[in-house]
Amino acid sequence: MTRPDLSPDAAAPSADNALILLAREAADIAVAGDIKRGLALALDAIRRARDAGDTRAEMEALNAAARCHSLRNDSINALAAGIDAAALARRLGDGAALGHALCAIANTAFTLRLLEECEPFIVHAIEEGVRHADADLEARARQSYGVLLGDLKRFDEARAQLALAVEVARRDGRPALLLRVEGNLANVARKEVRHHAATGDGARLNQAGAAALAEAALILERARTLNVPSVEMNMTHFIAEVRALMGELDVGIHETSRAMDMAQQLRYASNQPPMALNLGRMLRDQGRLTESIAAIQRGLDAAENLRPTFRIAELCEAMAATESACGDTAKAETWQKRALQERAQFETGRQVAAGFLARLGKELAL
C-alpha cells in the first residue's frame, strides 16, 4: 500500500463533518432497502464534497455510491466508484475505506465471472474489517466471500464464511444487513439444489431443496415484516426456482413471474435477466413457446442496459432453443450466432477487468 498523503487536504475532518455523515446515511438507507434514495444521497454527497475540496468526504461518498451500485448489481458504475474510492483511500492511508472499495471492486469482478481473481481482494477486505474492528465492513466482505465460495462449489467454506458474517451482522445491529446476510446463507442451499439437479442426484436434490425452502420461507416473512422489498423479491425468486427444480413447474412459473414483476416495479434491471431465463426455460418445458419467447425477450430488454454481462449470451441461447422447439431453424441459427458474438464481446470486457485486477493486486501485494 502507498504511504499516506500528509498534504493539507488529506487532513482528517471533524467528527461532525456533515458530508461524511450524509455519505454514511446514504449507505445505511441503501442497506435498509431503499437503494434508489441511498444512491441519490451518495451522488449528492460526492458532488458537494468535490465542490468543497473535501477529499475524505469524497472518499466516503464514493464508497457509499459504490455500495449502492453493488446492491443494484450495477457492475460498471460500482467498479468506477470503487476504483475512485480505492485511489483516495490509499492516498489517505485509510485501510477500512480501502476495504469497502475493494468489496465493490470484487463484487464487479464476481459479476464478470472472474471468480478466482476476485478472491484475494475479498480476503484483504475481511482482514481490514477485522483489523479496524469495522463490523459493517467485515460483515459485508464475509458475505461477498460466502457468495463467491458458493459459486465455486466450495459449499462448506461458503457456509462457514456466511455464518461468521451473520455473527458480525448481529453485532452491527442493523436488521436489514442481517437479513441480507442470512438470505445469502440460504442461497448456498439453493446452489446445492442446482448442483444436485445438474448431476441427477434426486435424493440429495430433495433433501437440499426441503432445507432451502424452509430457510427461504422464514427470510421471506421477515423481509415483509421489515419492509425490505429487494430481499422479498430475491426470496420469491429463490422459492420459485427451487420448487421448479423439484418438479413443481406450475408453482415455479407463477412465482417467477411475480418476482419479475417485483423487480420491474423496483427498477432492479439486473435481477430481471436471470429470472427471465428461468421463466423462459420453464415455459418452454411446458410447451408454452410463445410465452417463453416473450419472457426471454423481456430479459433481453433489461440486459441491454447492463453491458458487459454474460446474461445476454445465455438469453440468446435460450431464445435459440425455443425457436428450435417452434420449428424455426433459421431464427434459431440467427440467435445462436448472436449468442457467440455476445460471448466474445463479454469476454473482451472481462479481460479488461482482469487486467485492472492484476495491476491493483500487484500494487497491493495481494
Protein backbone atom coordinates (compact mmCIF):
# COMPACT_ATOMS: atom_id res chain seq x y z
CA MET A 1 0.00 0.00 0.00
CA THR A 2 1.27 3.51 -0.74
CA ARG A 3 2.25 5.79 2.11
CA PRO A 4 -0.49 8.13 3.40
CA ASP A 5 -0.70 11.54 1.80
CA LEU A 6 0.07 14.13 4.50
CA SER A 7 -0.89 17.17 2.43
CA PRO A 8 -3.37 19.65 3.98
CA ASP A 9 -6.38 18.44 2.00
CA ALA A 10 -5.81 14.95 3.39
CA ALA A 11 -6.24 16.04 6.98
CA ALA A 12 -8.99 14.23 8.86
CA PRO A 13 -12.18 16.30 9.14
CA SER A 14 -14.03 16.98 12.33
CA ALA A 15 -16.20 14.16 13.64
CA ASP A 16 -19.37 16.04 12.77
CA ASN A 17 -18.45 16.56 9.09
CA ALA A 18 -21.89 16.87 7.51
CA LEU A 19 -20.86 15.40 4.16
CA ILE A 20 -19.32 12.30 5.76
CA LEU A 21 -22.47 11.84 7.82
CA LEU A 22 -24.54 12.22 4.64
CA ALA A 23 -22.45 9.56 2.87
CA ARG A 24 -22.82 7.15 5.77
CA GLU A 25 -26.55 7.82 5.92
CA ALA A 26 -26.77 7.05 2.19
CA ALA A 27 -25.14 3.65 2.71
CA ASP A 28 -27.38 2.88 5.71
CA ILE A 29 -30.52 3.78 3.75
CA ALA A 30 -29.47 1.57 0.84
CA VAL A 31 -28.67 -1.39 3.12
CA ALA A 32 -32.05 -0.90 4.79
CA GLY A 33 -33.74 -1.43 1.42
CA ASP A 34 -34.24 1.98 -0.20
CA ILE A 35 -31.36 1.71 -2.66
CA LYS A 36 -32.68 4.39 -5.02
CA ARG A 37 -32.81 7.03 -2.27
CA GLY A 38 -29.46 5.94 -0.85
CA LEU A 39 -27.81 6.29 -4.27
CA ALA A 40 -29.29 9.74 -4.79
CA LEU A 41 -27.89 10.90 -1.44
CA ALA A 42 -24.48 9.37 -2.17
CA LEU A 43 -24.22 11.07 -5.56
CA ASP A 44 -25.23 14.38 -3.97
CA ALA A 45 -22.55 13.91 -1.31
CA ILE A 46 -19.90 13.24 -3.99
CA ARG A 47 -20.81 16.44 -5.84
CA ARG A 48 -20.83 18.55 -2.70
CA ALA A 49 -17.56 17.06 -1.39
CA ARG A 50 -15.80 17.80 -4.67
CA ASP A 51 -17.15 21.36 -4.68
CA ALA A 52 -15.87 21.80 -1.12
CA GLY A 53 -12.49 20.17 -1.87
CA ASP A 54 -13.04 17.68 0.97
CA THR A 55 -11.04 14.60 -0.05
CA ARG A 56 -12.06 12.42 2.88
CA ALA A 57 -15.76 13.18 2.46
CA GLU A 58 -15.45 12.47 -1.28
CA MET A 59 -13.88 9.09 -0.47
CA GLU A 60 -16.71 8.22 1.95
CA ALA A 61 -19.31 9.31 -0.61
CA LEU A 62 -17.67 7.32 -3.41
CA ASN A 63 -17.68 4.22 -1.21
CA ALA A 64 -21.35 4.80 -0.41
CA ALA A 65 -22.16 5.15 -4.12
CA ALA A 66 -20.17 2.01 -4.97
CA ARG A 67 -22.09 0.12 -2.32
CA CYS A 68 -25.44 1.36 -3.66
CA HIS A 69 -24.47 0.35 -7.20
CA SER A 70 -23.32 -3.06 -5.93
CA LEU A 71 -26.66 -3.61 -4.17
CA ARG A 72 -28.35 -2.93 -7.52
CA ASN A 73 -25.84 -5.25 -9.28
CA ASP A 74 -24.86 -2.27 -11.45
CA SER A 75 -21.36 -3.56 -12.12
CA ILE A 76 -19.96 -0.79 -14.32
CA ASN A 77 -20.89 2.08 -12.03
CA ALA A 78 -19.89 0.09 -8.94
CA LEU A 79 -16.48 -0.56 -10.47
CA ALA A 80 -15.97 3.10 -11.43
CA ALA A 81 -16.89 4.40 -7.98
CA GLY A 82 -14.88 1.63 -6.30
CA ILE A 83 -11.75 2.44 -8.30
CA ASP A 84 -12.01 6.15 -7.42
CA ALA A 85 -12.69 5.36 -3.74
CA ALA A 86 -9.73 2.95 -3.59
CA ALA A 87 -7.39 5.58 -5.03
CA LEU A 88 -8.44 8.14 -2.42
CA ALA A 89 -8.33 5.58 0.40
CA ARG A 90 -4.76 4.65 -0.49
CA ARG A 91 -3.83 8.33 -0.73
CA LEU A 92 -5.22 8.92 2.76
CA GLY A 93 -3.87 5.68 4.19
CA ASP A 94 -7.35 4.59 5.27
CA GLY A 95 -7.40 0.79 5.41
CA ALA A 96 -11.07 0.42 6.31
CA ALA A 97 -12.16 2.68 3.44
CA LEU A 98 -9.89 0.72 1.11
CA GLY A 99 -11.58 -2.47 2.29
CA HIS A 100 -15.02 -1.09 1.39
CA ALA A 101 -13.73 -0.05 -2.04
CA LEU A 102 -12.25 -3.50 -2.61
CA CYS A 103 -15.63 -5.05 -1.80
CA ALA A 104 -17.24 -3.05 -4.61
CA ILE A 105 -14.41 -3.91 -7.00
CA ALA A 106 -14.54 -7.61 -6.09
CA ASN A 107 -18.32 -7.72 -6.50
CA THR A 108 -17.92 -6.32 -10.00
CA ALA A 109 -15.27 -8.93 -10.79
CA PHE A 110 -17.68 -11.55 -9.47
CA THR A 111 -20.44 -10.42 -11.87
CA LEU A 112 -17.90 -10.65 -14.70
CA ARG A 113 -17.22 -14.27 -13.63
CA LEU A 114 -13.65 -13.51 -12.53
CA LEU A 115 -14.16 -15.78 -9.55
CA GLU A 116 -10.66 -16.87 -8.57
CA GLU A 117 -9.29 -13.43 -9.46
CA CYS A 118 -11.51 -11.55 -7.01
CA GLU A 119 -10.85 -13.88 -4.03
CA PRO A 120 -7.68 -12.14 -2.73
CA PHE A 121 -9.41 -8.74 -2.79
CA ILE A 122 -12.28 -10.02 -0.64
CA VAL A 123 -9.88 -11.71 1.76
CA HIS A 124 -7.94 -8.45 2.10
CA ALA A 125 -11.20 -6.59 2.79
CA ILE A 126 -12.05 -9.08 5.56
CA GLU A 127 -8.61 -8.55 7.08
CA GLU A 128 -9.12 -4.77 7.06
CA GLY A 129 -12.53 -5.17 8.68
CA VAL A 130 -11.06 -7.29 11.48
CA ARG A 131 -8.02 -5.02 11.89
CA HIS A 132 -10.15 -1.88 12.24
CA ALA A 133 -12.98 -3.56 14.21
CA ASP A 134 -15.33 -2.39 11.45
CA ALA A 135 -18.32 -4.72 11.80
CA ASP A 136 -20.04 -3.28 8.73
CA LEU A 137 -17.00 -3.94 6.53
CA GLU A 138 -16.33 -7.38 7.95
CA ALA A 139 -19.96 -8.47 7.54
CA ARG A 140 -20.06 -7.12 4.01
CA ALA A 141 -16.77 -8.73 2.98
CA ARG A 142 -17.54 -12.12 4.57
CA GLN A 143 -20.94 -12.06 2.87
CA SER A 144 -19.28 -11.44 -0.51
CA TYR A 145 -16.77 -14.20 0.18
CA GLY A 146 -19.52 -16.64 1.06
CA VAL A 147 -21.38 -15.88 -2.17
CA LEU A 148 -18.16 -16.35 -4.16
CA LEU A 149 -17.32 -19.66 -2.45
CA GLY A 150 -20.83 -20.91 -3.16
CA ASP A 151 -20.36 -20.23 -6.87
CA LEU A 152 -17.03 -22.06 -6.71
CA LYS A 153 -19.00 -25.01 -5.22
CA ARG A 154 -16.93 -24.84 -2.03
CA PHE A 155 -20.18 -25.14 -0.08
CA ASP A 156 -18.81 -25.91 3.39
CA GLU A 157 -16.39 -22.97 3.21
CA ALA A 158 -19.22 -20.76 1.96
CA ARG A 159 -21.41 -21.68 4.93
CA ALA A 160 -18.54 -21.05 7.34
CA GLN A 161 -17.91 -17.54 6.00
CA LEU A 162 -21.59 -16.65 5.94
CA ALA A 163 -22.09 -18.00 9.48
CA LEU A 164 -19.29 -15.65 10.60
CA ALA A 165 -20.95 -12.84 8.64
CA VAL A 166 -24.21 -13.49 10.48
CA GLU A 167 -22.42 -13.17 13.83
CA VAL A 168 -20.78 -9.91 12.78
CA ALA A 169 -24.03 -8.53 11.34
CA ARG A 170 -25.74 -9.21 14.67
CA ARG A 171 -23.05 -7.14 16.39
CA ASP A 172 -23.52 -4.41 13.80
CA GLY A 173 -27.17 -4.22 14.83
CA ARG A 174 -28.93 -3.31 11.57
CA PRO A 175 -31.80 -5.74 10.92
CA ALA A 176 -31.72 -5.29 7.14
CA LEU A 177 -28.00 -6.07 6.93
CA LEU A 178 -28.52 -9.22 8.99
CA LEU A 179 -31.44 -10.18 6.76
CA ARG A 180 -29.32 -9.85 3.60
CA VAL A 181 -26.53 -11.98 5.08
CA GLU A 182 -29.00 -14.65 6.16
CA GLY A 183 -30.51 -14.57 2.68
CA ASN A 184 -27.11 -15.29 1.17
CA LEU A 185 -26.55 -18.10 3.66
CA ALA A 186 -29.83 -19.63 2.49
CA ASN A 187 -28.65 -19.16 -1.10
CA VAL A 188 -25.88 -21.69 -0.53
CA ALA A 189 -28.62 -24.30 -0.20
CA ARG A 190 -30.14 -23.12 -3.49
CA LYS A 191 -26.76 -23.51 -5.22
CA GLU A 192 -26.54 -27.04 -3.83
CA VAL A 193 -30.02 -27.76 -5.22
CA ARG A 194 -28.86 -26.59 -8.66
CA HIS A 195 -25.76 -28.77 -8.38
CA HIS A 196 -27.73 -31.89 -7.43
CA ALA A 197 -30.30 -31.20 -10.18
CA ALA A 198 -27.49 -30.96 -12.75
CA THR A 199 -25.88 -34.21 -11.58
CA GLY A 200 -29.22 -36.04 -11.38
CA ASP A 201 -28.92 -36.90 -7.69
CA GLY A 202 -32.63 -36.97 -6.82
CA ALA A 203 -32.26 -37.91 -3.14
CA ARG A 204 -29.82 -35.11 -2.39
CA LEU A 205 -31.86 -32.72 -4.53
CA ASN A 206 -34.97 -33.32 -2.44
CA GLN A 207 -33.06 -33.11 0.85
CA ALA A 208 -31.29 -29.87 -0.08
CA GLY A 209 -34.48 -28.49 -1.63
CA ALA A 210 -36.55 -29.02 1.52
CA ALA A 211 -33.89 -27.30 3.65
CA ALA A 212 -33.60 -24.41 1.19
CA LEU A 213 -37.35 -23.83 1.07
CA ALA A 214 -37.65 -23.83 4.86
CA GLU A 215 -34.89 -21.22 5.22
CA ALA A 216 -36.25 -19.07 2.39
CA ALA A 217 -39.79 -19.05 3.81
CA LEU A 218 -38.55 -17.66 7.14
CA ILE A 219 -36.46 -14.97 5.47
CA LEU A 220 -39.31 -14.02 3.14
CA GLU A 221 -41.62 -13.47 6.09
CA ARG A 222 -39.05 -11.33 7.88
CA ALA A 223 -38.39 -9.31 4.73
CA ARG A 224 -42.07 -8.46 4.54
CA THR A 225 -42.18 -7.56 8.23
CA LEU A 226 -39.09 -5.34 7.97
CA ASN A 227 -40.21 -3.93 4.61
CA VAL A 228 -37.06 -4.83 2.67
CA PRO A 229 -38.54 -5.34 -0.83
CA SER A 230 -35.27 -6.33 -2.52
CA VAL A 231 -34.89 -9.31 -0.17
CA GLU A 232 -38.58 -10.18 -0.59
CA MET A 233 -38.09 -10.18 -4.36
CA ASN A 234 -34.96 -12.35 -4.16
CA MET A 235 -36.57 -14.86 -1.82
CA THR A 236 -39.67 -15.09 -4.03
CA HIS A 237 -37.46 -15.99 -6.99
CA PHE A 238 -35.42 -18.31 -4.77
CA ILE A 239 -38.51 -20.30 -3.77
CA ALA A 240 -39.79 -20.36 -7.36
CA GLU A 241 -36.52 -21.76 -8.72
CA VAL A 242 -36.19 -24.46 -6.06
CA ARG A 243 -39.81 -25.52 -6.46
CA ALA A 244 -39.30 -25.83 -10.22
CA LEU A 245 -36.10 -27.86 -9.80
CA MET A 246 -38.05 -30.19 -7.52
CA GLY A 247 -40.63 -30.72 -10.28
CA GLU A 248 -43.30 -28.14 -9.38
CA LEU A 249 -43.21 -26.25 -12.68
CA ASP A 250 -46.59 -24.54 -12.30
CA VAL A 251 -45.56 -23.01 -8.98
CA GLY A 252 -42.16 -22.10 -10.39
CA ILE A 253 -43.70 -20.28 -13.35
CA HIS A 254 -46.24 -18.38 -11.27
CA GLU A 255 -43.78 -17.27 -8.59
CA THR A 256 -41.02 -16.37 -11.07
CA SER A 257 -43.49 -14.18 -12.98
CA ARG A 258 -44.37 -12.48 -9.71
CA ALA A 259 -40.71 -11.94 -8.83
CA MET A 260 -40.08 -10.41 -12.26
CA ASP A 261 -42.96 -8.00 -11.78
CA MET A 262 -41.48 -7.00 -8.42
CA ALA A 263 -38.04 -6.46 -9.99
CA GLN A 264 -39.54 -4.28 -12.70
CA GLN A 265 -41.55 -2.30 -10.16
CA LEU A 266 -38.44 -1.77 -8.04
CA ARG A 267 -36.42 -0.92 -11.19
CA TYR A 268 -33.86 -3.64 -10.48
CA ALA A 269 -32.85 -4.30 -14.08
CA SER A 270 -30.05 -6.68 -13.14
CA ASN A 271 -32.43 -9.12 -11.43
CA GLN A 272 -34.69 -9.48 -14.45
CA PRO A 273 -32.41 -11.37 -16.91
CA PRO A 274 -31.80 -14.44 -14.67
CA MET A 275 -35.49 -14.50 -13.77
CA ALA A 276 -36.44 -14.26 -17.45
CA LEU A 277 -34.01 -17.05 -18.28
CA ASN A 278 -35.57 -19.38 -15.70
CA LEU A 279 -39.09 -18.41 -16.70
CA GLY A 280 -38.40 -18.88 -20.42
CA ARG A 281 -36.96 -22.35 -19.84
CA MET A 282 -39.87 -23.43 -17.66
CA LEU A 283 -42.44 -22.21 -20.15
CA ARG A 284 -40.60 -23.99 -22.96
CA ASP A 285 -40.61 -27.22 -20.92
CA GLN A 286 -44.40 -26.91 -20.69
CA GLY A 287 -44.70 -26.30 -24.44
CA ARG A 288 -45.83 -22.68 -23.96
CA LEU A 289 -43.47 -21.46 -26.65
CA THR A 290 -44.98 -18.04 -27.45
CA GLU A 291 -44.93 -17.15 -23.75
CA SER A 292 -41.37 -18.44 -23.50
CA ILE A 293 -40.22 -16.12 -26.30
CA ALA A 294 -41.95 -13.15 -24.65
CA ALA A 295 -40.32 -13.86 -21.28
CA ILE A 296 -36.84 -14.22 -22.78
CA GLN A 297 -37.26 -11.01 -24.79
CA ARG A 298 -38.25 -9.21 -21.61
CA GLY A 299 -34.98 -10.34 -20.06
CA LEU A 300 -33.00 -9.23 -23.12
CA ASP A 301 -34.56 -5.77 -22.98
CA ALA A 302 -33.42 -5.39 -19.37
CA ALA A 303 -29.96 -6.87 -20.02
CA GLU A 304 -29.14 -4.37 -22.77
CA ASN A 305 -28.57 -1.72 -20.09
CA LEU A 306 -26.21 -3.95 -18.10
CA ARG A 307 -23.33 -4.49 -20.53
CA PRO A 308 -20.90 -6.16 -20.13
CA THR A 309 -22.88 -9.16 -18.93
CA PHE A 310 -22.86 -12.86 -19.78
CA ARG A 311 -26.64 -12.87 -19.31
CA ILE A 312 -27.26 -11.65 -22.87
CA ALA A 313 -25.50 -14.67 -24.38
CA GLU A 314 -27.44 -17.01 -22.07
CA LEU A 315 -30.73 -15.43 -23.09
CA CYS A 316 -29.83 -15.62 -26.80
CA GLU A 317 -29.07 -19.33 -26.38
CA ALA A 318 -32.41 -19.81 -24.62
CA MET A 319 -34.17 -17.97 -27.44
CA ALA A 320 -32.42 -20.21 -29.98
CA ALA A 321 -33.66 -23.31 -28.11
CA THR A 322 -37.23 -22.00 -28.02
CA GLU A 323 -37.24 -21.05 -31.71
CA SER A 324 -35.88 -24.51 -32.50
CA ALA A 325 -38.73 -26.03 -30.49
CA CYS A 326 -41.09 -23.88 -32.59
CA GLY A 327 -39.56 -25.45 -35.70
CA ASP A 328 -38.00 -22.21 -36.98
CA THR A 329 -34.46 -23.36 -37.77
CA ALA A 330 -33.44 -20.08 -39.42
CA LYS A 331 -34.36 -17.97 -36.39
CA ALA A 332 -32.69 -20.47 -34.07
CA GLU A 333 -29.44 -20.22 -36.05
CA THR A 334 -29.61 -16.41 -36.01
CA TRP A 335 -29.99 -16.37 -32.23
CA GLN A 336 -27.18 -18.89 -31.80
CA LYS A 337 -24.84 -16.73 -33.90
CA ARG A 338 -25.72 -13.71 -31.81
CA ALA A 339 -25.02 -15.71 -28.65
CA LEU A 340 -21.50 -16.43 -29.91
CA GLN A 341 -20.97 -12.73 -30.71
CA GLU A 342 -22.24 -11.70 -27.28
CA ARG A 343 -19.94 -14.18 -25.54
CA ALA A 344 -16.96 -12.79 -27.46
CA GLN A 345 -17.94 -9.23 -26.57
CA PHE A 346 -18.39 -10.12 -22.91
CA GLU A 347 -15.01 -11.84 -22.87
CA THR A 348 -13.38 -8.63 -24.12
CA GLY A 349 -14.83 -6.63 -21.23
CA ARG A 350 -13.95 -9.43 -18.85
CA GLN A 351 -10.30 -9.37 -19.89
CA VAL A 352 -10.11 -5.60 -19.45
CA ALA A 353 -11.38 -6.01 -15.88
CA ALA A 354 -8.96 -8.90 -15.31
CA GLY A 355 -6.08 -6.65 -16.34
CA PHE A 356 -7.18 -3.99 -13.87
CA LEU A 357 -7.44 -6.54 -11.06
CA ALA A 358 -3.97 -7.86 -11.83
CA ARG A 359 -2.46 -4.36 -11.69
CA LEU A 360 -4.27 -3.45 -8.48
CA GLY A 361 -3.35 -6.77 -6.89
CA LYS A 362 0.31 -6.15 -7.69
CA GLU A 363 0.14 -2.63 -6.21
CA LEU A 364 -1.41 -4.01 -3.02
CA ALA A 365 0.92 -7.03 -2.96
CA LEU A 366 -2.03 -9.44 -2.82
